[in-house]
Amino acid sequence: MSASDTDDRLAARLAELRVQRGWSLDELAMATGISRASLSRIERAETSPTAALLNRLCVAYGLTMSRLLSEVEEEAALLLKAAQQPVWRDDASGFQRRNVSPPASHFKAEVVEGVLRPGARIDYDAPPIQGLEQHIWLQSGELTISMDNQHWTLQAGDCLRFNLTGKSAFAAHAEGGARYILVVCKP
């Protein structure tokens, strides 16, 4: 599936979620802090949301980003070959996300590969689901993760486990960037 196909399906799914809840664009704008005009462009696939904006939408809809992105992919078999794993890019923040796990709504854990270019930073206003369990295993580079008043700097091979409860940020080292495996476990 091409990037534009994924963007089109994501836009359609976001519009569908809003309509299912009976929300107007104005109501969604109030709930997310994203302008009505931006929401309209996102739902028409005229622009792709950044990771931060997509997180705000996930918070409003009570979905993890992995779940939302898996919903726009076709249901797969139990095995998802590397070439079939959907990749989503946020060029504005320098973030690339690969859904490693096959899409399935009946499983609680998902595996994601994240790549941040050197110096990239993503700020999330709130978790999509309070208390979401996450395991981050750094494969290469250096990554600083912040959540509320806590900060952890990971080196290659380090693994951090926590329950996501507040604002968070991922910041890659200015020279080497960061590549990590993220395991998300839904409650």
N, C-alpha and C. Protein backbone atom coordinates (compact mmCIF):
# COMPACT_ATOMS: atom_id res chain seq x y z
N MET A 1 0.84 -1.17 0.00
CA MET A 1 0.00 0.00 0.00
C MET A 1 0.89 1.23 0.00
N SER A 2 0.59 2.19 -0.85
CA SER A 2 1.43 3.38 -0.96
C SER A 2 1.12 4.36 0.17
N ALA A 3 2.04 5.31 0.36
CA ALA A 3 1.87 6.32 1.41
C ALA A 3 0.60 7.12 1.17
N SER A 4 0.31 7.45 -0.10
CA SER A 4 -0.89 8.25 -0.37
C SER A 4 -2.15 7.44 -0.10
N ASP A 5 -2.13 6.12 -0.35
CA ASP A 5 -3.28 5.27 -0.02
C ASP A 5 -3.50 5.27 1.49
N THR A 6 -2.41 5.15 2.25
CA THR A 6 -2.51 5.16 3.71
C THR A 6 -3.04 6.50 4.19
N ASP A 7 -2.53 7.61 3.64
CA ASP A 7 -3.01 8.94 4.02
C ASP A 7 -4.50 9.09 3.72
N ASP A 8 -4.95 8.60 2.56
CA ASP A 8 -6.36 8.69 2.19
C ASP A 8 -7.23 7.89 3.15
N ARG A 9 -6.77 6.68 3.49
CA ARG A 9 -7.54 5.82 4.40
C ARG A 9 -7.54 6.40 5.81
N LEU A 10 -6.43 7.00 6.23
CA LEU A 10 -6.36 7.63 7.54
C LEU A 10 -7.34 8.81 7.60
N ALA A 11 -7.34 9.62 6.57
CA ALA A 11 -8.26 10.77 6.51
C ALA A 11 -9.71 10.30 6.60
N ALA A 12 -10.04 9.27 5.84
CA ALA A 12 -11.41 8.75 5.86
C ALA A 12 -11.77 8.19 7.24
N ARG A 13 -10.83 7.49 7.88
CA ARG A 13 -11.10 6.92 9.20
C ARG A 13 -11.29 8.02 10.24
N LEU A 14 -10.48 9.07 10.19
CA LEU A 14 -10.63 10.18 11.13
C LEU A 14 -11.99 10.87 10.95
N ALA A 15 -12.40 11.06 9.72
CA ALA A 15 -13.72 11.66 9.46
C ALA A 15 -14.82 10.74 9.98
N GLU A 16 -14.65 9.46 9.76
CA GLU A 16 -15.64 8.47 10.22
C GLU A 16 -15.76 8.47 11.75
N LEU A 17 -14.64 8.53 12.44
CA LEU A 17 -14.66 8.56 13.91
C LEU A 17 -15.41 9.79 14.43
N ARG A 18 -15.19 10.92 13.79
CA ARG A 18 -15.86 12.16 14.22
C ARG A 18 -17.36 12.03 14.01
N VAL A 19 -17.76 11.54 12.85
CA VAL A 19 -19.18 11.41 12.53
C VAL A 19 -19.84 10.38 13.46
N GLN A 20 -19.15 9.27 13.74
CA GLN A 20 -19.70 8.24 14.64
C GLN A 20 -20.03 8.82 16.01
N ARG A 21 -19.26 9.78 16.45
CA ARG A 21 -19.48 10.39 17.76
C ARG A 21 -20.46 11.56 17.70
N GLY A 22 -20.88 11.90 16.48
CA GLY A 22 -21.83 12.98 16.32
C GLY A 22 -21.23 14.35 16.57
N TRP A 23 -19.92 14.48 16.37
CA TRP A 23 -19.23 15.74 16.63
C TRP A 23 -19.12 16.56 15.35
N SER A 24 -19.27 17.85 15.50
CA SER A 24 -18.99 18.76 14.39
C SER A 24 -17.48 19.02 14.37
N LEU A 25 -17.01 19.62 13.30
CA LEU A 25 -15.59 20.01 13.26
C LEU A 25 -15.28 21.01 14.38
N ASP A 26 -16.23 21.89 14.67
CA ASP A 26 -16.02 22.86 15.75
C ASP A 26 -15.88 22.16 17.10
N GLU A 27 -16.70 21.14 17.36
CA GLU A 27 -16.62 20.41 18.62
C GLU A 27 -15.30 19.66 18.74
N LEU A 28 -14.87 19.06 17.63
CA LEU A 28 -13.58 18.35 17.65
C LEU A 28 -12.43 19.34 17.83
N ALA A 29 -12.54 20.49 17.22
CA ALA A 29 -11.51 21.52 17.38
C ALA A 29 -11.40 21.94 18.84
N MET A 30 -12.54 22.10 19.51
CA MET A 30 -12.53 22.47 20.93
C MET A 30 -11.90 21.35 21.77
N ALA A 31 -12.20 20.10 21.45
CA ALA A 31 -11.70 18.97 22.23
C ALA A 31 -10.21 18.74 22.04
N THR A 32 -9.67 19.09 20.88
CA THR A 32 -8.28 18.77 20.56
C THR A 32 -7.34 19.96 20.55
N GLY A 33 -7.90 21.17 20.42
CA GLY A 33 -7.04 22.34 20.28
C GLY A 33 -6.47 22.48 18.88
N ILE A 34 -6.98 21.71 17.94
CA ILE A 34 -6.56 21.79 16.54
C ILE A 34 -7.59 22.65 15.81
N SER A 35 -7.14 23.56 14.98
CA SER A 35 -8.08 24.46 14.31
C SER A 35 -9.05 23.68 13.42
N ARG A 36 -10.24 24.26 13.26
CA ARG A 36 -11.27 23.66 12.43
C ARG A 36 -10.75 23.48 11.00
N ALA A 37 -10.04 24.50 10.50
CA ALA A 37 -9.52 24.45 9.14
C ALA A 37 -8.51 23.30 8.99
N SER A 38 -7.64 23.13 9.97
CA SER A 38 -6.66 22.04 9.90
C SER A 38 -7.35 20.69 9.94
N LEU A 39 -8.35 20.55 10.82
CA LEU A 39 -9.10 19.29 10.90
C LEU A 39 -9.77 18.98 9.56
N SER A 40 -10.35 19.99 8.95
CA SER A 40 -11.00 19.81 7.67
C SER A 40 -10.00 19.34 6.60
N ARG A 41 -8.83 19.97 6.56
CA ARG A 41 -7.80 19.57 5.58
C ARG A 41 -7.31 18.15 5.84
N ILE A 42 -7.17 17.79 7.12
CA ILE A 42 -6.73 16.43 7.47
C ILE A 42 -7.78 15.42 7.02
N GLU A 43 -9.06 15.69 7.29
CA GLU A 43 -10.12 14.75 6.93
C GLU A 43 -10.32 14.65 5.42
N ARG A 44 -9.90 15.65 4.67
CA ARG A 44 -9.99 15.60 3.21
C ARG A 44 -8.69 15.10 2.57
N ALA A 45 -7.73 14.70 3.40
CA ALA A 45 -6.43 14.18 2.95
C ALA A 45 -5.64 15.23 2.16
N GLU A 46 -5.90 16.50 2.44
CA GLU A 46 -5.13 17.56 1.81
C GLU A 46 -3.80 17.76 2.51
N THR A 47 -3.73 17.32 3.77
CA THR A 47 -2.50 17.38 4.55
C THR A 47 -2.49 16.18 5.48
N SER A 48 -1.30 15.74 5.82
CA SER A 48 -1.16 14.63 6.76
C SER A 48 -0.86 15.20 8.14
N PRO A 49 -1.51 14.68 9.18
CA PRO A 49 -1.27 15.22 10.51
C PRO A 49 0.14 14.90 11.01
N THR A 50 0.70 15.79 11.81
CA THR A 50 1.97 15.50 12.46
C THR A 50 1.72 14.47 13.55
N ALA A 51 2.78 13.92 14.11
CA ALA A 51 2.64 12.95 15.19
C ALA A 51 1.93 13.59 16.38
N ALA A 52 2.26 14.84 16.69
CA ALA A 52 1.64 15.52 17.83
C ALA A 52 0.14 15.73 17.60
N LEU A 53 -0.25 16.14 16.39
CA LEU A 53 -1.67 16.33 16.10
C LEU A 53 -2.40 15.00 16.09
N LEU A 54 -1.78 13.99 15.53
CA LEU A 54 -2.41 12.67 15.51
C LEU A 54 -2.62 12.17 16.94
N ASN A 55 -1.67 12.44 17.82
CA ASN A 55 -1.83 12.05 19.22
C ASN A 55 -3.03 12.77 19.85
N ARG A 56 -3.19 14.06 19.55
CA ARG A 56 -4.34 14.79 20.10
C ARG A 56 -5.65 14.17 19.63
N LEU A 57 -5.70 13.77 18.37
CA LEU A 57 -6.90 13.12 17.85
C LEU A 57 -7.12 11.77 18.52
N CYS A 58 -6.03 11.03 18.73
CA CYS A 58 -6.15 9.74 19.42
C CYS A 58 -6.66 9.92 20.84
N VAL A 59 -6.21 10.95 21.52
CA VAL A 59 -6.70 11.24 22.88
C VAL A 59 -8.20 11.48 22.84
N ALA A 60 -8.65 12.30 21.89
CA ALA A 60 -10.08 12.61 21.78
C ALA A 60 -10.91 11.36 21.50
N TYR A 61 -10.36 10.46 20.71
CA TYR A 61 -11.11 9.25 20.33
C TYR A 61 -10.83 8.07 21.25
N GLY A 62 -9.90 8.22 22.20
CA GLY A 62 -9.60 7.13 23.13
C GLY A 62 -8.93 5.95 22.47
N LEU A 63 -8.07 6.23 21.49
CA LEU A 63 -7.37 5.18 20.75
C LEU A 63 -5.86 5.39 20.86
N THR A 64 -5.11 4.31 20.84
CA THR A 64 -3.66 4.47 20.70
C THR A 64 -3.37 4.78 19.24
N MET A 65 -2.21 5.38 18.99
CA MET A 65 -1.83 5.67 17.61
C MET A 65 -1.69 4.37 16.83
N SER A 66 -1.14 3.35 17.47
CA SER A 66 -1.00 2.04 16.81
C SER A 66 -2.36 1.50 16.39
N ARG A 67 -3.33 1.60 17.28
CA ARG A 67 -4.67 1.09 16.98
C ARG A 67 -5.28 1.86 15.82
N LEU A 68 -5.19 3.19 15.87
CA LEU A 68 -5.76 4.00 14.78
C LEU A 68 -5.10 3.64 13.45
N LEU A 69 -3.77 3.57 13.44
CA LEU A 69 -3.08 3.27 12.18
C LEU A 69 -3.38 1.86 11.71
N SER A 70 -3.55 0.92 12.65
CA SER A 70 -3.88 -0.45 12.23
C SER A 70 -5.29 -0.52 11.65
N GLU A 71 -6.17 0.38 12.10
CA GLU A 71 -7.53 0.40 11.57
C GLU A 71 -7.59 0.85 10.12
N VAL A 72 -6.58 1.56 9.66
CA VAL A 72 -6.60 2.00 8.26
C VAL A 72 -5.88 1.00 7.35
N GLU A 73 -5.29 0.00 7.95
CA GLU A 73 -4.65 -1.05 7.17
C GLU A 73 -5.63 -2.20 6.99
N GLU A 74 -5.42 -2.98 5.97
CA GLU A 74 -6.27 -4.13 5.75
C GLU A 74 -5.95 -5.18 6.81
N GLU A 75 -6.98 -5.91 7.25
CA GLU A 75 -6.78 -6.98 8.23
C GLU A 75 -5.81 -7.99 7.64
N ALA A 76 -4.80 -8.34 8.38
CA ALA A 76 -3.74 -9.22 7.89
C ALA A 76 -3.82 -10.57 8.57
N ALA A 77 -3.06 -11.49 8.03
CA ALA A 77 -2.91 -12.80 8.64
C ALA A 77 -2.06 -12.66 9.90
N LEU A 78 -1.76 -13.76 10.55
CA LEU A 78 -0.96 -13.71 11.77
C LEU A 78 0.48 -13.32 11.49
N LEU A 79 0.96 -13.55 10.28
CA LEU A 79 2.33 -13.20 9.90
C LEU A 79 2.30 -11.97 9.00
N LEU A 80 3.09 -10.99 9.37
CA LEU A 80 3.19 -9.78 8.56
C LEU A 80 4.65 -9.64 8.13
N LYS A 81 4.94 -9.91 6.89
CA LYS A 81 6.30 -9.84 6.36
C LYS A 81 6.81 -8.40 6.43
N ALA A 82 8.11 -8.25 6.54
CA ALA A 82 8.71 -6.92 6.68
C ALA A 82 8.26 -5.97 5.58
N ALA A 83 8.18 -6.45 4.36
CA ALA A 83 7.79 -5.60 3.24
C ALA A 83 6.32 -5.16 3.32
N GLN A 84 5.52 -5.86 4.12
CA GLN A 84 4.10 -5.54 4.25
C GLN A 84 3.81 -4.62 5.43
N GLN A 85 4.78 -4.41 6.29
CA GLN A 85 4.55 -3.61 7.50
C GLN A 85 4.37 -2.15 7.12
N PRO A 86 3.23 -1.57 7.50
CA PRO A 86 2.97 -0.19 7.11
C PRO A 86 3.88 0.80 7.85
N VAL A 87 4.36 1.77 7.10
CA VAL A 87 5.23 2.80 7.65
C VAL A 87 4.51 4.14 7.51
N TRP A 88 4.50 4.90 8.60
CA TRP A 88 3.91 6.23 8.61
C TRP A 88 5.00 7.21 8.96
N ARG A 89 5.07 8.31 8.23
CA ARG A 89 6.12 9.31 8.45
C ARG A 89 5.52 10.66 8.81
N ASP A 90 6.18 11.31 9.75
CA ASP A 90 5.86 12.69 10.10
C ASP A 90 7.12 13.48 9.75
N ASP A 91 7.16 14.00 8.55
CA ASP A 91 8.35 14.72 8.09
C ASP A 91 8.62 15.97 8.92
N ALA A 92 7.57 16.58 9.45
CA ALA A 92 7.75 17.81 10.23
C ALA A 92 8.57 17.57 11.50
N SER A 93 8.33 16.43 12.16
CA SER A 93 9.06 16.16 13.40
C SER A 93 10.26 15.24 13.19
N GLY A 94 10.38 14.63 12.02
CA GLY A 94 11.49 13.71 11.78
C GLY A 94 11.24 12.33 12.35
N PHE A 95 9.98 11.92 12.43
CA PHE A 95 9.59 10.66 13.03
C PHE A 95 9.08 9.69 11.97
N GLN A 96 9.54 8.45 12.07
CA GLN A 96 9.04 7.38 11.21
C GLN A 96 8.58 6.24 12.10
N ARG A 97 7.38 5.73 11.86
CA ARG A 97 6.77 4.69 12.68
C ARG A 97 6.39 3.52 11.79
N ARG A 98 6.89 2.34 12.15
CA ARG A 98 6.56 1.11 11.42
C ARG A 98 5.73 0.23 12.34
N ASN A 99 4.53 -0.14 11.91
CA ASN A 99 3.72 -1.09 12.66
C ASN A 99 4.23 -2.49 12.36
N VAL A 100 4.96 -3.07 13.30
CA VAL A 100 5.57 -4.38 13.12
C VAL A 100 4.54 -5.48 13.29
N SER A 101 3.67 -5.35 14.29
CA SER A 101 2.65 -6.37 14.55
C SER A 101 1.57 -6.35 13.48
N PRO A 102 1.08 -7.53 13.10
CA PRO A 102 -0.07 -7.56 12.19
C PRO A 102 -1.26 -6.87 12.84
N PRO A 103 -2.07 -6.14 12.06
CA PRO A 103 -3.23 -5.48 12.65
C PRO A 103 -4.23 -6.50 13.17
N ALA A 104 -4.68 -6.30 14.39
CA ALA A 104 -5.68 -7.19 14.98
C ALA A 104 -6.31 -6.47 16.16
N SER A 105 -7.61 -6.42 16.18
CA SER A 105 -8.30 -5.70 17.25
C SER A 105 -8.43 -6.53 18.53
N HIS A 106 -8.23 -7.83 18.44
CA HIS A 106 -8.46 -8.69 19.61
C HIS A 106 -7.19 -8.99 20.43
N PHE A 107 -6.07 -8.40 20.11
CA PHE A 107 -4.85 -8.55 20.89
C PHE A 107 -4.59 -7.28 21.68
N LYS A 108 -3.93 -7.41 22.85
CA LYS A 108 -3.69 -6.26 23.71
C LYS A 108 -2.34 -5.60 23.47
N ALA A 109 -1.35 -6.32 22.96
CA ALA A 109 -0.01 -5.76 22.78
C ALA A 109 0.28 -5.53 21.30
N GLU A 110 1.05 -4.49 21.04
CA GLU A 110 1.47 -4.17 19.68
C GLU A 110 2.95 -3.83 19.71
N VAL A 111 3.66 -4.18 18.63
CA VAL A 111 5.07 -3.86 18.51
C VAL A 111 5.23 -2.84 17.39
N VAL A 112 5.98 -1.79 17.70
CA VAL A 112 6.20 -0.69 16.76
C VAL A 112 7.70 -0.41 16.71
N GLU A 113 8.20 -0.10 15.52
CA GLU A 113 9.57 0.39 15.39
C GLU A 113 9.48 1.90 15.17
N GLY A 114 10.22 2.65 15.97
CA GLY A 114 10.27 4.10 15.82
C GLY A 114 11.66 4.55 15.42
N VAL A 115 11.74 5.50 14.51
CA VAL A 115 13.01 6.08 14.10
C VAL A 115 12.86 7.59 14.15
N LEU A 116 13.75 8.23 14.90
CA LEU A 116 13.79 9.69 14.96
C LEU A 116 15.10 10.15 14.34
N ARG A 117 15.02 11.09 13.40
CA ARG A 117 16.25 11.59 12.79
C ARG A 117 17.04 12.38 13.84
N PRO A 118 18.33 12.60 13.62
CA PRO A 118 19.15 13.33 14.59
C PRO A 118 18.52 14.67 14.98
N GLY A 119 18.42 14.88 16.29
CA GLY A 119 17.87 16.13 16.81
C GLY A 119 16.35 16.22 16.82
N ALA A 120 15.66 15.20 16.33
CA ALA A 120 14.19 15.25 16.26
C ALA A 120 13.58 15.15 17.66
N ARG A 121 12.43 15.78 17.81
CA ARG A 121 11.71 15.75 19.08
C ARG A 121 10.21 15.71 18.80
N ILE A 122 9.51 14.87 19.56
CA ILE A 122 8.05 14.79 19.48
C ILE A 122 7.51 15.07 20.87
N ASP A 123 6.56 15.98 20.96
CA ASP A 123 5.89 16.29 22.22
C ASP A 123 4.44 15.83 22.14
N TYR A 124 4.01 15.08 23.14
CA TYR A 124 2.63 14.61 23.22
C TYR A 124 1.96 15.29 24.41
N ASP A 125 0.80 15.90 24.18
CA ASP A 125 0.08 16.61 25.23
C ASP A 125 -0.51 15.70 26.30
N ALA A 126 -0.94 14.51 25.87
CA ALA A 126 -1.60 13.58 26.79
C ALA A 126 -1.55 12.18 26.20
N PRO A 127 -1.62 11.16 27.04
CA PRO A 127 -1.66 9.80 26.51
C PRO A 127 -3.03 9.51 25.89
N PRO A 128 -3.06 8.69 24.86
CA PRO A 128 -4.35 8.35 24.26
C PRO A 128 -5.23 7.57 25.24
N ILE A 129 -4.59 6.77 26.09
CA ILE A 129 -5.28 6.01 27.13
C ILE A 129 -4.45 6.15 28.40
N GLN A 130 -5.04 6.65 29.48
CA GLN A 130 -4.31 6.82 30.73
C GLN A 130 -3.80 5.47 31.24
N GLY A 131 -2.53 5.45 31.69
CA GLY A 131 -1.96 4.25 32.27
C GLY A 131 -1.49 3.22 31.26
N LEU A 132 -1.46 3.58 30.00
CA LEU A 132 -1.03 2.67 28.94
C LEU A 132 0.38 2.17 29.24
N GLU A 133 0.57 0.86 29.27
CA GLU A 133 1.90 0.30 29.54
C GLU A 133 2.74 0.34 28.27
N GLN A 134 3.98 0.85 28.41
CA GLN A 134 4.90 0.92 27.28
C GLN A 134 6.26 0.38 27.68
N HIS A 135 6.89 -0.31 26.74
CA HIS A 135 8.26 -0.80 26.88
C HIS A 135 9.02 -0.22 25.69
N ILE A 136 10.11 0.49 25.94
CA ILE A 136 10.90 1.08 24.87
C ILE A 136 12.31 0.51 24.95
N TRP A 137 12.70 -0.19 23.90
CA TRP A 137 14.00 -0.85 23.82
C TRP A 137 14.80 -0.14 22.73
N LEU A 138 15.82 0.60 23.12
CA LEU A 138 16.61 1.38 22.17
C LEU A 138 17.56 0.48 21.40
N GLN A 139 17.46 0.52 20.10
CA GLN A 139 18.30 -0.30 19.23
C GLN A 139 19.59 0.40 18.84
N SER A 140 19.50 1.70 18.56
CA SER A 140 20.69 2.47 18.19
C SER A 140 20.47 3.94 18.49
N GLY A 141 21.58 4.66 18.66
CA GLY A 141 21.52 6.08 18.93
C GLY A 141 21.34 6.36 20.41
N GLU A 142 20.74 7.50 20.70
CA GLU A 142 20.47 7.91 22.08
C GLU A 142 19.10 8.58 22.08
N LEU A 143 18.31 8.28 23.10
CA LEU A 143 16.94 8.77 23.17
C LEU A 143 16.64 9.24 24.59
N THR A 144 16.13 10.45 24.71
CA THR A 144 15.68 10.95 26.00
C THR A 144 14.16 10.98 25.99
N ILE A 145 13.59 10.33 27.00
CA ILE A 145 12.14 10.27 27.14
C ILE A 145 11.76 11.04 28.39
N SER A 146 10.78 11.90 28.26
CA SER A 146 10.29 12.68 29.39
C SER A 146 8.81 12.39 29.58
N MET A 147 8.41 12.29 30.84
CA MET A 147 6.99 12.16 31.17
C MET A 147 6.76 12.95 32.45
N ASP A 148 5.94 13.96 32.34
CA ASP A 148 5.74 14.88 33.46
C ASP A 148 7.10 15.36 33.96
N ASN A 149 7.46 15.10 35.20
CA ASN A 149 8.74 15.58 35.74
C ASN A 149 9.85 14.54 35.71
N GLN A 150 9.61 13.41 35.06
CA GLN A 150 10.62 12.35 34.98
C GLN A 150 11.32 12.41 33.62
N HIS A 151 12.62 12.07 33.63
CA HIS A 151 13.41 12.05 32.40
C HIS A 151 14.33 10.84 32.43
N TRP A 152 14.41 10.15 31.30
CA TRP A 152 15.31 9.01 31.16
C TRP A 152 16.08 9.16 29.86
N THR A 153 17.38 8.92 29.90
CA THR A 153 18.17 8.91 28.68
C THR A 153 18.63 7.48 28.45
N LEU A 154 18.27 6.95 27.29
CA LEU A 154 18.57 5.57 26.94
C LEU A 154 19.72 5.52 25.95
N GLN A 155 20.59 4.55 26.13
CA GLN A 155 21.66 4.22 25.20
C GLN A 155 21.28 2.91 24.51
N ALA A 156 21.94 2.60 23.42
CA ALA A 156 21.64 1.37 22.68
C ALA A 156 21.64 0.17 23.63
N GLY A 157 20.57 -0.63 23.55
CA GLY A 157 20.42 -1.81 24.39
C GLY A 157 19.59 -1.58 25.63
N ASP A 158 19.44 -0.32 26.07
CA ASP A 158 18.64 -0.03 27.26
C ASP A 158 17.15 -0.23 26.98
N CYS A 159 16.42 -0.61 28.03
CA CYS A 159 14.97 -0.79 27.92
C CYS A 159 14.30 -0.07 29.07
N LEU A 160 13.29 0.72 28.76
CA LEU A 160 12.52 1.47 29.75
C LEU A 160 11.08 0.97 29.71
N ARG A 161 10.52 0.70 30.91
CA ARG A 161 9.11 0.29 31.01
C ARG A 161 8.41 1.27 31.93
N PHE A 162 7.23 1.74 31.52
CA PHE A 162 6.46 2.67 32.35
C PHE A 162 5.01 2.65 31.93
N ASN A 163 4.18 3.23 32.80
CA ASN A 163 2.78 3.46 32.47
C ASN A 163 2.65 4.93 32.09
N LEU A 164 2.13 5.19 30.92
CA LEU A 164 2.02 6.54 30.39
C LEU A 164 0.85 7.25 31.08
N THR A 165 1.16 8.37 31.75
CA THR A 165 0.13 9.04 32.53
C THR A 165 -0.02 10.53 32.26
N GLY A 166 0.91 11.16 31.60
CA GLY A 166 0.81 12.61 31.40
C GLY A 166 1.46 13.04 30.12
N LYS A 167 1.84 14.32 30.07
CA LYS A 167 2.57 14.83 28.92
C LYS A 167 3.86 14.04 28.77
N SER A 168 4.27 13.82 27.53
CA SER A 168 5.52 13.10 27.31
C SER A 168 6.22 13.66 26.08
N ALA A 169 7.51 13.32 25.99
CA ALA A 169 8.30 13.77 24.85
C ALA A 169 9.37 12.74 24.55
N PHE A 170 9.70 12.61 23.29
CA PHE A 170 10.78 11.75 22.81
C PHE A 170 11.76 12.67 22.09
N ALA A 171 13.02 12.66 22.49
CA ALA A 171 14.03 13.51 21.85
C ALA A 171 15.24 12.66 21.48
N ALA A 172 15.60 12.69 20.21
CA ALA A 172 16.75 11.93 19.71
C ALA A 172 18.02 12.74 19.85
N HIS A 173 19.12 12.05 20.01
CA HIS A 173 20.44 12.69 20.10
C HIS A 173 20.68 13.51 18.83
N ALA A 174 21.34 14.64 19.00
CA ALA A 174 21.56 15.57 17.89
C ALA A 174 22.41 15.00 16.77
N GLU A 175 23.24 14.03 17.07
CA GLU A 175 24.13 13.50 16.02
C GLU A 175 23.68 12.14 15.49
N GLY A 176 23.29 11.25 16.37
CA GLY A 176 23.01 9.88 15.92
C GLY A 176 21.57 9.53 15.73
N GLY A 177 20.63 10.39 16.14
CA GLY A 177 19.23 10.03 16.05
C GLY A 177 18.92 8.88 17.00
N ALA A 178 17.82 8.20 16.75
CA ALA A 178 17.43 7.07 17.59
C ALA A 178 16.54 6.11 16.81
N ARG A 179 16.78 4.83 17.04
CA ARG A 179 15.92 3.76 16.49
C ARG A 179 15.56 2.87 17.66
N TYR A 180 14.25 2.67 17.86
CA TYR A 180 13.81 1.91 19.02
C TYR A 180 12.63 1.00 18.68
N ILE A 181 12.46 0.02 19.56
CA ILE A 181 11.30 -0.87 19.49
C ILE A 181 10.39 -0.48 20.64
N LEU A 182 9.12 -0.25 20.34
CA LEU A 182 8.13 0.11 21.33
C LEU A 182 7.07 -0.99 21.40
N VAL A 183 6.85 -1.48 22.61
CA VAL A 183 5.78 -2.45 22.84
C VAL A 183 4.71 -1.70 23.63
N VAL A 184 3.51 -1.65 23.08
CA VAL A 184 2.38 -0.97 23.70
C VAL A 184 1.41 -2.05 24.18
N CYS A 185 1.07 -2.00 25.47
CA CYS A 185 0.15 -2.97 26.06
C CYS A 185 -1.08 -2.24 26.56
N LYS A 186 -2.20 -2.54 25.95
CA LYS A 186 -3.45 -1.89 26.35
C LYS A 186 -3.99 -2.53 27.62
N PRO A 187 -4.61 -1.72 28.49
CA PRO A 187 -5.16 -2.29 29.72
C PRO A 187 -6.31 -3.25 29.43
